[in-house]
C-alpha atoms as a PDB file:
ATOM      1  CA  MET A   1      64.951  68.864 149.219  1.00  0.00           C
ATOM      2  CA  ALA A   2      68.611  69.615 148.596  1.00  0.00           C
ATOM      3  CA  GLN A   3      69.570  68.175 151.819  1.00  0.00           C
ATOM      4  CA  GLU A   4      67.563  65.070 151.256  1.00  0.00           C
ATOM      5  CA  LEU A   5      69.095  64.501 147.689  1.00  0.00           C
ATOM      6  CA  SER A   6      72.669  65.014 148.786  1.00  0.00           C
ATOM      7  CA  ARG A   7      72.404  62.912 151.907  1.00  0.00           C
ATOM      8  CA  ASN A   8      75.461  60.617 152.216  1.00  0.00           C
ATOM      9  CA  ALA A   9      76.712  61.837 148.645  1.00  0.00           C
ATOM     10  CA  LYS A  10      80.527  61.690 148.807  1.00  0.00           C
ATOM     11  CA  THR A  11      81.334  63.571 145.575  1.00  0.00           C
ATOM     12  CA  ASP A  12      79.963  66.523 143.358  1.00  0.00           C
ATOM     13  CA  GLU A  13      79.532  63.960 140.571  1.00  0.00           C
ATOM     14  CA  GLU A  14      77.070  61.832 142.741  1.00  0.00           C
ATOM     15  CA  LYS A  15      75.141  64.981 143.776  1.00  0.00           C
ATOM     16  CA  LEU A  16      74.705  65.908 140.134  1.00  0.00           C
ATOM     17  CA  LYS A  17      73.642  62.384 139.236  1.00  0.00           C
ATOM     18  CA  ARG A  18      70.970  62.412 141.949  1.00  0.00           C
ATOM     19  CA  VAL A  19      69.697  65.888 140.781  1.00  0.00           C
ATOM     20  CA  ILE A  20      69.306  64.470 137.167  1.00  0.00           C
ATOM     21  CA  GLU A  21      67.562  61.306 138.486  1.00  0.00           C
ATOM     22  CA  HIS A  22      65.138  63.362 140.464  1.00  0.00           C
ATOM     23  CA  PHE A  23      63.932  65.431 137.591  1.00  0.00           C
ATOM     24  CA  SER A  24      63.527  62.158 135.471  1.00  0.00           C
ATOM     25  CA  LYS A  25      60.989  60.866 137.922  1.00  0.00           C
ATOM     26  CA  GLY A  26      57.536  62.550 138.045  1.00  0.00           C
ATOM     27  CA  TYR A  27      58.303  65.731 136.193  1.00  0.00           C
ATOM     28  CA  THR A  28      56.982  66.633 132.718  1.00  0.00           C
ATOM     29  CA  TYR A  29      57.542  69.140 130.129  1.00  0.00           C
ATOM     30  CA  SER A  30      54.644  71.609 129.649  1.00  0.00           C
ATOM     31  CA  LEU A  31      54.109  74.907 127.658  1.00  0.00           C
ATOM     32  CA  LYS A  32      50.824  75.693 129.690  1.00  0.00           C
ATOM     33  CA  LEU A  33      51.398  77.928 132.561  1.00  0.00           C
ATOM     34  CA  GLU A  34      49.329  77.593 135.513  1.00  0.00           C
ATOM     35  CA  LYS A  35      48.225  80.437 137.706  1.00  0.00           C
ATOM     36  CA  PHE A  36      49.580  80.307 141.276  1.00  0.00           C
ATOM     37  CA  GLU A  37      50.595  82.451 144.255  1.00  0.00           C
ATOM     38  CA  GLY A  38      54.106  82.543 145.807  1.00  0.00           C
ATOM     39  CA  ASP A  39      57.591  81.603 144.529  1.00  0.00           C
ATOM     40  CA  PRO A  40      57.529  80.063 141.007  1.00  0.00           C
ATOM     41  CA  LEU A  41      60.279  77.577 141.599  1.00  0.00           C
ATOM     42  CA  GLU A  42      58.862  76.334 144.883  1.00  0.00           C
ATOM     43  CA  TYR A  43      55.562  75.790 143.079  1.00  0.00           C
ATOM     44  CA  PHE A  44      57.331  74.055 140.211  1.00  0.00           C
ATOM     45  CA  LEU A  45      59.497  71.755 142.655  1.00  0.00           C
ATOM     46  CA  LEU A  46      56.863  70.760 145.151  1.00  0.00           C
ATOM     47  CA  VAL A  47      53.387  71.214 143.515  1.00  0.00           C
ATOM     48  CA  SER A  48      52.991  71.183 139.593  1.00  0.00           C
ATOM     49  CA  LYS A  49      56.208  69.378 138.660  1.00  0.00           C
ATOM     50  CA  LYS A  50      55.731  70.453 135.081  1.00  0.00           C
ATOM     51  CA  GLY A  51      57.088  73.459 133.192  1.00  0.00           C
ATOM     52  CA  ASN A  52      59.314  74.748 130.404  1.00  0.00           C
ATOM     53  CA  CYS A  53      63.162  74.816 130.262  1.00  0.00           C
ATOM     54  CA  GLU A  54      63.362  77.895 132.294  1.00  0.00           C
ATOM     55  CA  TYR A  55      61.880  76.312 135.336  1.00  0.00           C
ATOM     56  CA  TYR A  56      64.045  73.077 134.903  1.00  0.00           C
ATOM     57  CA  ALA A  57      67.294  75.083 134.492  1.00  0.00           C
ATOM     58  CA  SER A  58      66.576  77.463 137.456  1.00  0.00           C
ATOM     59  CA  ALA A  59      65.662  74.635 139.746  1.00  0.00           C
ATOM     60  CA  THR A  60      68.583  72.513 138.728  1.00  0.00           C
ATOM     61  CA  ALA A  61      70.979  75.412 139.409  1.00  0.00           C
ATOM     62  CA  LEU A  62      69.411  76.089 142.662  1.00  0.00           C
ATOM     63  CA  LEU A  63      69.501  72.693 144.082  1.00  0.00           C
ATOM     64  CA  LEU A  64      73.151  72.245 142.935  1.00  0.00           C
ATOM     65  CA  ARG A  65      74.209  75.443 144.478  1.00  0.00           C
ATOM     66  CA  LEU A  66      72.374  74.437 147.760  1.00  0.00           C
ATOM     67  CA  MET A  67      74.337  71.259 147.647  1.00  0.00           C
ATOM     68  CA  GLY A  68      77.625  73.094 147.321  1.00  0.00           C
ATOM     69  CA  VAL A  69      78.141  72.488 143.672  1.00  0.00           C
ATOM     70  CA  PRO A  70      79.025  75.666 141.669  1.00  0.00           C
ATOM     71  CA  ALA A  71      76.428  75.996 138.770  1.00  0.00           C
ATOM     72  CA  ARG A  72      75.319  78.525 136.342  1.00  0.00           C
ATOM     73  CA  VAL A  73      72.452  78.933 133.963  1.00  0.00           C
ATOM     74  CA  VAL A  74      73.204  79.139 130.340  1.00  0.00           C
ATOM     75  CA  GLY A  75      70.925  80.340 127.582  1.00  0.00           C
ATOM     76  CA  GLY A  76      71.070  79.486 123.832  1.00  0.00           C
ATOM     77  CA  PHE A  77      69.212  77.586 121.089  1.00  0.00           C
ATOM     78  CA  LYS A  78      68.241  73.942 120.689  1.00  0.00           C
ATOM     79  CA  GLY A  79      67.750  72.633 117.195  1.00  0.00           C
ATOM     80  CA  ALA A  80      67.658  74.098 113.691  1.00  0.00           C
ATOM     81  CA  ILE A  81      65.802  73.744 110.269  1.00  0.00           C
ATOM     82  CA  TRP A  82      67.641  73.137 107.016  1.00  0.00           C
ATOM     83  CA  ASN A  83      66.397  75.509 104.227  1.00  0.00           C
ATOM     84  CA  ASN A  84      66.953  73.727 100.973  1.00  0.00           C
ATOM     85  CA  TYR A  85      66.011  76.743  99.029  1.00  0.00           C
ATOM     86  CA  GLY A  86      68.772  78.990 100.541  1.00  0.00           C
ATOM     87  CA  ASN A  87      71.214  76.250 101.637  1.00  0.00           C
ATOM     88  CA  TYR A  88      71.481  77.439 105.277  1.00  0.00           C
ATOM     89  CA  TYR A  89      70.111  76.547 108.686  1.00  0.00           C
ATOM     90  CA  ILE A  90      67.203  78.528 110.338  1.00  0.00           C
ATOM     91  CA  ILE A  91      67.316  79.190 114.006  1.00  0.00           C
ATOM     92  CA  THR A  92      64.238  80.902 115.295  1.00  0.00           C
ATOM     93  CA  ASN A  93      63.464  82.601 118.740  1.00  0.00           C
ATOM     94  CA  SER A  94      61.172  79.779 119.443  1.00  0.00           C
ATOM     95  CA  MET A  95      63.996  77.400 119.586  1.00  0.00           C
ATOM     96  CA  ALA A  96      65.579  79.247 122.533  1.00  0.00           C
ATOM     97  CA  HIS A  97      66.550  76.936 125.181  1.00  0.00           C
ATOM     98  CA  VAL A  98      68.100  77.157 128.691  1.00  0.00           C
ATOM     99  CA  TRP A  99      70.247  74.663 130.449  1.00  0.00           C
ATOM    100  CA  VAL A 100      72.776  74.451 133.216  1.00  0.00           C
ATOM    101  CA  GLU A 101      76.554  74.082 133.559  1.00  0.00           C
ATOM    102  CA  ALA A 102      77.964  72.404 136.813  1.00  0.00           C
ATOM    103  CA  TYR A 103      81.610  72.770 137.926  1.00  0.00           C
ATOM    104  CA  ILE A 104      82.673  69.207 138.284  1.00  0.00           C
ATOM    105  CA  ASN A 105      86.233  67.922 138.745  1.00  0.00           C
ATOM    106  CA  GLY A 106      87.752  71.240 137.575  1.00  0.00           C
ATOM    107  CA  LYS A 107      85.667  71.701 134.566  1.00  0.00           C
ATOM    108  CA  TRP A 108      82.171  73.044 133.530  1.00  0.00           C
ATOM    109  CA  VAL A 109      79.859  70.108 132.555  1.00  0.00           C
ATOM    110  CA  ARG A 110      76.707  70.688 130.613  1.00  0.00           C
ATOM    111  CA  VAL A 111      73.537  69.615 132.414  1.00  0.00           C
ATOM    112  CA  ASP A 112      70.031  69.584 130.798  1.00  0.00           C
ATOM    113  CA  THR A 113      67.314  68.182 132.924  1.00  0.00           C
ATOM    114  CA  THR A 114      64.487  69.450 130.705  1.00  0.00           C
ATOM    115  CA  PRO A 115      62.513  66.353 129.430  1.00  0.00           C
ATOM    116  CA  PRO A 116      62.794  65.751 125.612  1.00  0.00           C
ATOM    117  CA  TYR A 117      60.445  67.908 123.443  1.00  0.00           C
ATOM    118  CA  GLN A 118      59.988  69.179 120.056  1.00  0.00           C
ATOM    119  CA  SER A 119      59.991  72.752 119.424  1.00  0.00           C
ATOM    120  CA  PRO A 120      56.711  74.173 118.178  1.00  0.00           C
ATOM    121  CA  ALA A 121      58.626  75.981 115.283  1.00  0.00           C
ATOM    122  CA  LEU A 122      59.665  72.435 113.869  1.00  0.00           C
ATOM    123  CA  LYS A 123      55.893  71.482 113.730  1.00  0.00           C
ATOM    124  CA  ARG A 124      54.724  74.791 111.993  1.00  0.00           C
ATOM    125  CA  ILE A 125      57.399  75.213 109.287  1.00  0.00           C
ATOM    126  CA  SER A 126      56.024  74.854 105.740  1.00  0.00           C
ATOM    127  CA  THR A 127      57.500  74.988 102.188  1.00  0.00           C
ATOM    128  CA  LEU A 128      56.138  78.508 101.731  1.00  0.00           C
ATOM    129  CA  SER A 129      57.774  79.684 105.065  1.00  0.00           C
ATOM    130  CA  LEU A 130      61.067  78.342 103.839  1.00  0.00           C
ATOM    131  CA  ILE A 131      60.733  80.041 100.376  1.00  0.00           C
ATOM    132  CA  MET A 132      59.873  83.369 102.076  1.00  0.00           C
ATOM    133  CA  ASP A 133      62.733  83.105 104.454  1.00  0.00           C
ATOM    134  CA  SER A 134      65.278  82.404 101.691  1.00  0.00           C
ATOM    135  CA  ILE A 135      63.822  85.514  99.826  1.00  0.00           C
ATOM    136  CA  VAL A 136      64.261  87.624 102.937  1.00  0.00           C
ATOM    137  CA  SER A 137      67.824  86.273 103.466  1.00  0.00           C
ATOM    138  CA  PHE A 138      68.618  87.126  99.922  1.00  0.00           C
ATOM    139  CA  TRP A 139      67.223  90.708 100.393  1.00  0.00           C
ATOM    140  CA  TYR A 140      69.561  91.303 103.348  1.00  0.00           C
ATOM    141  CA  SER A 141      72.554  89.601 101.836  1.00  0.00           C
ATOM    142  CA  ASN A 142      72.343  91.076  98.312  1.00  0.00           C
ATOM    143  CA  VAL A 143      70.271  94.445  98.537  1.00  0.00           C
ATOM    144  CA  VAL A 144      70.327  95.866 102.190  1.00  0.00           C
ATOM    145  CA  GLY A 145      74.112  94.947 102.180  1.00  0.00           C
ATOM    146  CA  PHE A 146      74.682  96.861  99.020  1.00  0.00           C
ATOM    147  CA  SER A 147      76.287 100.470  99.434  1.00  0.00           C
ATOM    148  CA  ALA A 148      74.335 103.423  97.749  1.00  0.00           C
ATOM    149  CA  GLU A 149      77.162 103.501  95.091  1.00  0.00           C
ATOM    150  CA  LYS A 150      76.675  99.740  94.197  1.00  0.00           C
ATOM    151  CA  GLN A 151      72.918 100.200  94.053  1.00  0.00           C
ATOM    152  CA  ILE A 152      73.144 103.192  91.711  1.00  0.00           C
ATOM    153  CA  SER A 153      75.736 101.408  89.512  1.00  0.00           C
ATOM    154  CA  LEU A 154      73.504  98.303  89.316  1.00  0.00           C
ATOM    155  CA  PHE A 155      70.361 100.317  88.172  1.00  0.00           C
ATOM    156  CA  LYS A 156      72.482 102.260  85.696  1.00  0.00           C
ATOM    157  CA  ALA A 157      73.818  98.954  84.067  1.00  0.00           C
ATOM    158  CA  PHE A 158      70.160  97.654  84.262  1.00  0.00           C
ATOM    159  CA  GLY A 159      68.952 100.676  82.284  1.00  0.00           C
ATOM    160  CA  LYS A 160      71.626 100.635  79.719  1.00  0.00           C
ATOM    161  CA  GLY A 161      70.959  96.913  79.013  1.00  0.00           C
ATOM    162  CA  LEU A 162      67.354  97.611  78.700  1.00  0.00           C
ATOM    163  CA  ARG A 163      67.706 100.264  76.119  1.00  0.00           C
ATOM    164  CA  TRP A 164      70.092  98.157  74.215  1.00  0.00           C
ATOM    165  CA  SER A 165      67.593  95.289  74.138  1.00  0.00           C
ATOM    166  CA  VAL A 166      64.801  97.315  72.852  1.00  0.00           C
ATOM    167  CA  LYS A 167      67.000  98.797  69.933  1.00  0.00           C
ATOM    168  CA  LYS A 168      68.166  95.290  68.825  1.00  0.00           C
ATOM    169  CA  GLU A 169      64.518  94.046  69.326  1.00  0.00           C
ATOM    170  CA  ASN A 170      65.658  91.067  71.264  1.00  0.00           C
ATOM    171  CA  LEU A 171      62.441  90.096  72.787  1.00  0.00           C
ATOM    172  CA  ALA A 172      63.857  87.391  75.075  1.00  0.00           C
ATOM    173  CA  VAL A 173      66.194  89.817  76.713  1.00  0.00           C
ATOM    174  CA  VAL A 174      63.514  92.271  77.164  1.00  0.00           C
ATOM    175  CA  LEU A 175      61.368  89.886  78.799  1.00  0.00           C
ATOM    176  CA  LYS A 176      64.212  89.007  81.030  1.00  0.00           C
ATOM    177  CA  TYR A 177      64.661  92.636  82.132  1.00  0.00           C
ATOM    178  CA  ILE A 178      60.945  92.931  82.689  1.00  0.00           C
ATOM    179  CA  LEU A 179      60.957  89.909  84.965  1.00  0.00           C
ATOM    180  CA  LEU A 180      64.020  91.352  86.832  1.00  0.00           C
ATOM    181  CA  THR A 181      62.107  94.694  87.290  1.00  0.00           C
ATOM    182  CA  ALA A 182      59.194  92.880  88.752  1.00  0.00           C
ATOM    183  CA  LEU A 183      61.492  90.970  91.066  1.00  0.00           C
ATOM    184  CA  ALA A 184      63.203  94.255  92.190  1.00  0.00           C
ATOM    185  CA  LEU A 185      59.872  95.907  92.970  1.00  0.00           C
ATOM    186  CA  VAL A 186      58.938  92.792  95.014  1.00  0.00           C
ATOM    187  CA  LEU A 187      62.130  93.148  96.862  1.00  0.00           C
ATOM    188  CA  LEU A 188      61.534  96.778  97.439  1.00  0.00           C
ATOM    189  CA  TYR A 189      58.233  96.140  98.888  1.00  0.00           C
ATOM    190  CA  LEU A 190      59.505  93.370 101.144  1.00  0.00           C
ATOM    191  CA  PRO A 191      60.924  95.533 104.017  1.00  0.00           C
ATOM    192  CA  PHE A 192      57.391  97.209 104.279  1.00  0.00           C
ATOM    193  CA  TYR A 193      55.696  93.937 104.415  1.00  0.00           C
ATOM    194  CA  LEU A 194      58.197  92.616 107.023  1.00  0.00           C
ATOM    195  CA  TYR A 195      57.700  95.686 109.095  1.00  0.00           C
ATOM    196  CA  ARG A 196      54.011  95.158 109.170  1.00  0.00           C
ATOM    197  CA  ARG A 197      54.530  91.498 110.208  1.00  0.00           C
ATOM    198  CA  LEU A 198      56.940  92.559 112.849  1.00  0.00           C
ATOM    199  CA  LYS A 199      54.276  94.853 114.333  1.00  0.00           C
ATOM    200  CA  LYS A 200      52.134  91.671 114.798  1.00  0.00           C
ATOM    201  CA  ASP A 201      54.941  89.725 116.468  1.00  0.00           C
ATOM    202  CA  PRO A 202      54.524  89.168 120.169  1.00  0.00           C
ATOM    203  CA  GLU A 203      58.399  88.670 120.606  1.00  0.00           C
ATOM    204  CA  ASN A 204      59.125  92.099 119.149  1.00  0.00           C
ATOM    205  CA  LEU A 205      56.305  93.497 121.428  1.00  0.00           C
ATOM    206  CA  PHE A 206      58.160  91.918 124.588  1.00  0.00           C
ATOM    207  CA  ARG A 207      61.457  93.252 123.350  1.00  0.00           C
ATOM    208  CA  ARG A 208      60.018  96.683 123.063  1.00  0.00           C
ATOM    209  CA  LEU A 209      58.793  96.262 126.653  1.00  0.00           C
ATOM    210  CA  GLN A 210      62.345  95.296 127.757  1.00  0.00           C
ATOM    211  CA  GLU A 211      63.626  98.432 125.998  1.00  0.00           C
ATOM    212  CA  THR A 212      61.002 100.628 127.571  1.00  0.00           C
ATOM    213  CA  LEU A 213      61.956  99.295 130.986  1.00  0.00           C
ATOM    214  CA  ASN A 214      65.621  99.231 130.207  1.00  0.00           C
ATOM    215  CA  SER A 215      65.834  95.652 131.367  1.00  0.00           C
ATOM    216  CA  LYS A 216      66.883  92.351 130.131  1.00  0.00           C
ATOM    217  CA  ASP A 217      65.075  90.506 132.850  1.00  0.00           C
ATOM    218  CA  SER A 218      62.896  87.338 132.174  1.00  0.00           C
ATOM    219  CA  PRO A 219      59.074  87.616 131.859  1.00  0.00           C
ATOM    220  CA  GLU A 220      58.546  86.571 135.468  1.00  0.00           C
ATOM    221  CA  ARG A 221      61.157  88.677 136.917  1.00  0.00           C
ATOM    222  CA  LEU A 222      59.699  91.771 135.267  1.00  0.00           C
ATOM    223  CA  LEU A 223      56.320  90.859 136.911  1.00  0.00           C
ATOM    224  CA  GLU A 224      57.998  90.566 140.338  1.00  0.00           C
ATOM    225  CA  LYS A 225      59.599  94.024 140.050  1.00  0.00           C
ATOM    226  CA  PHE A 226      56.139  95.749 139.264  1.00  0.00           C
ATOM    227  CA  LYS A 227      54.010  93.695 141.707  1.00  0.00           C
ATOM    228  CA  GLY A 228      52.001  96.082 143.697  1.00  0.00           C
ATOM    229  CA  LYS A 229      52.727  98.966 141.416  1.00  0.00           C
ATOM    230  CA  GLU A 230      50.370 101.029 139.280  1.00  0.00           C
ATOM    231  CA  GLN A 231      52.004  99.865 136.078  1.00  0.00           C
ATOM    232  CA  TYR A 232      51.702  96.150 137.063  1.00  0.00           C
ATOM    233  CA  ARG A 233      48.652  95.560 134.844  1.00  0.00           C
ATOM    234  CA  TYR A 234      50.288  96.896 131.851  1.00  0.00           C
ATOM    235  CA  VAL A 235      53.328  94.775 132.184  1.00  0.00           C
ATOM    236  CA  GLU A 236      51.337  91.743 133.001  1.00  0.00           C
ATOM    237  CA  TYR A 237      49.380  91.984 129.830  1.00  0.00           C
ATOM    238  CA  ILE A 238      52.299  92.146 127.514  1.00  0.00           C
ATOM    239  CA  VAL A 239      54.086  89.510 129.552  1.00  0.00           C
ATOM    240  CA  ARG A 240      51.281  86.954 129.455  1.00  0.00           C
ATOM    241  CA  LEU A 241      50.665  87.584 125.744  1.00  0.00           C
ATOM    242  CA  TYR A 242      54.301  86.760 125.084  1.00  0.00           C
ATOM    243  CA  GLN A 243      54.226  83.639 127.306  1.00  0.00           C
ATOM    244  CA  ARG A 244      51.248  82.346 125.551  1.00  0.00           C
ATOM    245  CA  TYR A 245      52.699  82.866 122.250  1.00  0.00           C
ATOM    246  CA  LYS A 246      55.984  81.334 123.146  1.00  0.00           C
ATOM    247  CA  TYR A 247      55.229  78.608 125.669  1.00  0.00           C
ATOM    248  CA  SER A 248      51.744  77.328 124.650  1.00  0.00           C
ATOM    249  CA  ASN A 249      49.943  75.946 121.734  1.00  0.00           C
ATOM    250  CA  TYR A 250      47.162  78.665 121.904  1.00  0.00           C
ATOM    251  CA  ARG A 251      47.072  81.080 118.995  1.00  0.00           C
ATOM    252  CA  VAL A 252      47.813  84.832 119.474  1.00  0.00           C
ATOM    253  CA  TYR A 253      45.635  87.016 117.397  1.00  0.00           C
ATOM    254  CA  PRO A 254      46.934  90.282 115.564  1.00  0.00           C
ATOM    255  CA  ASP A 255      44.406  92.484 117.258  1.00  0.00           C
ATOM    256  CA  GLU A 256      45.861  91.215 120.690  1.00  0.00           C
ATOM    257  CA  VAL A 257      49.288  92.241 119.640  1.00  0.00           C
ATOM    258  CA  MET A 258      48.077  95.612 118.535  1.00  0.00           C
ATOM    259  CA  GLU A 259      46.315  96.009 121.689  1.00  0.00           C
ATOM    260  CA  GLY A 260      49.658  95.203 123.370  1.00  0.00           C
ATOM    261  CA  TYR A 261      51.352  98.177 121.538  1.00  0.00           C
ATOM    262  CA  ARG A 262      48.572 100.373 122.855  1.00  0.00           C
ATOM    263  CA  VAL A 263      49.157  99.181 126.310  1.00  0.00           C
ATOM    264  CA  LEU A 264      52.812  99.659 125.882  1.00  0.00           C
ATOM    265  CA  LYS A 265      52.274 103.355 124.945  1.00  0.00           C
ATOM    266  CA  ILE A 266      50.057 103.819 128.116  1.00  0.00           C
ATOM    267  CA  LEU A 267      52.935 102.228 130.158  1.00  0.00           C
ATOM    268  CA  LYS A 268      55.350 104.655 128.632  1.00  0.00           C
ATOM    269  CA  ASP A 269      53.222 107.662 129.388  1.00  0.00           C
ATOM    270  CA  THR A 270      52.664 106.450 132.953  1.00  0.00           C
ATOM    271  CA  LEU A 271      56.389 105.943 133.391  1.00  0.00           C
ATOM    272  CA  ASN A 272      57.203 109.479 132.035  1.00  0.00           C
ATOM    273  CA  SER A 273      54.675 111.043 134.165  1.00  0.00           C
ATOM    274  CA  SER A 274      56.101 109.294 137.250  1.00  0.00           C
ATOM    275  CA  ARG A 275      59.409 110.418 136.441  1.00  0.00           C
ATOM    276  CA  ARG A 276      58.463 113.943 136.011  1.00  0.00           C
ATOM    277  CA  SER A 277      56.604 114.162 139.115  1.00  0.00           C
ATOM    278  CA  SER A 278      59.332 112.608 141.321  1.00  0.00           C
ATOM    279  CA  PRO A 279      61.622 115.053 143.065  1.00  0.00           C
END
């Protein structure tokens, strides 16, 4: 394919243009992963012709390199959501994107052959989500970031103010302090709420898997490493769950994620047992 696309091309710019044109004809963006055997890039290029940004970037870099054009895969984020309640942009993991940089005429040029698509995060965002995110941001900026001394001083000042308000029988001020107390209790509870939410997050589960395996490899690369090994089914369960959450429109249920943590524990025990038995 690389030879055919680059035939009679006189410059690297022309080769790049042909690669871009190739992916603009007959290829589509898809979040659904099909089951297949063999090399995933070969299947993408020659059979399915549909996939997510990881497939497009990897295939583009491969073709360019085979043509003699230096190319590298670059990861980052695409898009953002403006939060009116906190006056900042939100960038989530579901906005993660991969593209290519090609070395043309002495400089790196950005190349993105992935067809236009809208991140699922932009479709799912709601007013309640924006409000909750602004609360979380406030918590980390103004509470977690406080030193112990500052927090103690704040609560002492709060207590003195409350005692003064009661003595002066200033009802409005008393109500103000009561409301502030309620807000403080909510903020103190928030980390526990977030922790429980995190335990149900497939992305956190996949990060835990990477930590367990001491690897930052992509999901498919992890499966390749464990193919034919005893631990493959455990790795596959977590990887497929993560891929379904990130790259498809199918819902991932909390009990599936909890099962993923159980599978992760079994995987850890299996790996530890293998290490102890190895000479």
